[in-house]
């Protein structure tokens, strides 16, 4: 995580305006995202996974918060590749 992400998470945890459970869920998703990103990169290097990998390192916070804000059965999300 970058310094700004650490600062943001600390601010959110210290703030009374956000439930602690939601902030901890975002942190859990951040760690899972980083783990999966690292794992996929290792599999590509070992030629055991996909041959094309787009890393999300540095972008996991906005993705996690956006995904957790979606309402099941109401909102739609479409993946895209940023160029």
Protein backbone atom coordinates (compact mmCIF):
# COMPACT_ATOMS: atom_id res chain seq x y z
CA UNK A 1 0.00 0.00 0.00
CA UNK A 2 1.15 3.52 -0.63
CA UNK A 3 1.49 6.17 2.03
CA UNK A 4 -1.71 7.87 0.90
CA UNK A 5 -3.65 4.60 1.19
CA UNK A 6 -2.29 4.03 4.70
CA UNK A 7 -3.21 7.59 5.66
CA UNK A 8 -6.70 7.21 4.21
CA UNK A 9 -7.34 3.92 6.01
CA UNK A 10 -6.08 5.35 9.31
CA UNK A 11 -8.34 8.36 8.87
CA UNK A 12 -11.33 6.16 8.09
CA UNK A 13 -10.67 3.89 11.09
CA UNK A 14 -10.33 6.90 13.40
CA UNK A 15 -13.41 8.61 11.97
CA UNK A 16 -16.78 8.01 13.56
CA UNK A 17 -18.58 8.66 10.24
CA UNK A 18 -17.65 5.24 8.78
CA UNK A 19 -18.55 1.95 10.45
CA UNK A 20 -15.43 0.05 11.48
CA UNK A 21 -16.79 -3.15 9.87
CA UNK A 22 -16.93 -1.51 6.43
CA UNK A 23 -13.42 -0.13 6.74
CA UNK A 24 -12.09 -3.53 7.80
CA UNK A 25 -13.90 -5.16 4.83
CA UNK A 26 -12.19 -2.69 2.47
CA UNK A 27 -8.83 -3.52 4.06
CA UNK A 28 -9.54 -7.25 3.65
CA UNK A 29 -10.35 -6.77 -0.04
CA UNK A 30 -7.17 -4.69 -0.50
CA UNK A 31 -5.00 -7.46 0.91
CA UNK A 32 -6.79 -10.15 -1.10
CA UNK A 33 -6.41 -8.11 -4.28
CA UNK A 34 -2.69 -7.58 -3.71
CA UNK A 35 -2.18 -11.27 -2.91
CA UNK A 36 -4.03 -12.38 -6.07
CA UNK A 37 -2.11 -9.87 -8.18
CA UNK A 38 1.24 -11.16 -6.88
CA UNK A 39 0.15 -14.78 -7.32
CA UNK A 40 -0.99 -14.21 -10.91
CA UNK A 41 2.31 -12.50 -11.77
CA UNK A 42 4.25 -15.48 -10.38
CA UNK A 43 2.12 -17.94 -12.36
CA UNK A 44 2.70 -15.99 -15.56
CA UNK A 45 6.48 -15.98 -14.96
CA UNK A 46 6.38 -19.75 -14.36
CA UNK A 47 4.26 -20.25 -17.50
CA UNK A 48 1.55 -21.92 -15.38
CA UNK A 49 -1.18 -19.36 -15.75
CA UNK A 50 -2.41 -16.92 -18.30
CA UNK A 51 0.14 -15.45 -20.66
CA UNK A 52 -1.15 -11.90 -20.24
CA UNK A 53 -1.44 -10.18 -16.88
CA UNK A 54 -2.57 -6.65 -16.06
CA UNK A 55 -1.34 -5.66 -12.62
CA UNK A 56 -3.64 -3.65 -10.36
CA UNK A 57 -1.01 -2.63 -7.81
CA UNK A 58 -1.62 0.94 -6.77
CA UNK A 59 -5.23 0.90 -7.94
CA UNK A 60 -6.71 -1.58 -5.50
CA UNK A 61 -8.23 0.99 -3.12
CA UNK A 62 -10.47 2.66 -5.69
CA UNK A 63 -11.48 -0.73 -7.09
CA UNK A 64 -12.30 -2.15 -3.66
CA UNK A 65 -14.34 0.84 -2.54
CA UNK A 66 -16.19 1.01 -5.87
CA UNK A 67 -16.98 -2.70 -5.87
CA UNK A 68 -18.17 -2.73 -2.26
CA UNK A 69 -20.47 0.24 -2.97
CA UNK A 70 -22.39 -1.72 -5.64
CA UNK A 71 -25.82 -3.05 -4.66
CA UNK A 72 -26.50 -6.66 -5.62
CA UNK A 73 -29.34 -7.02 -8.12
CA UNK A 74 -29.47 -3.27 -8.76
CA UNK A 75 -26.08 -2.05 -9.98
CA UNK A 76 -24.06 -3.30 -12.92
CA UNK A 77 -20.31 -3.31 -13.33
CA UNK A 78 -18.28 -3.85 -16.47
CA UNK A 79 -14.54 -4.55 -16.44
CA UNK A 80 -12.36 -2.50 -18.75
CA UNK A 81 -8.74 -2.13 -19.70
CA UNK A 82 -7.23 1.29 -19.18
CA UNK A 83 -4.75 2.19 -21.88
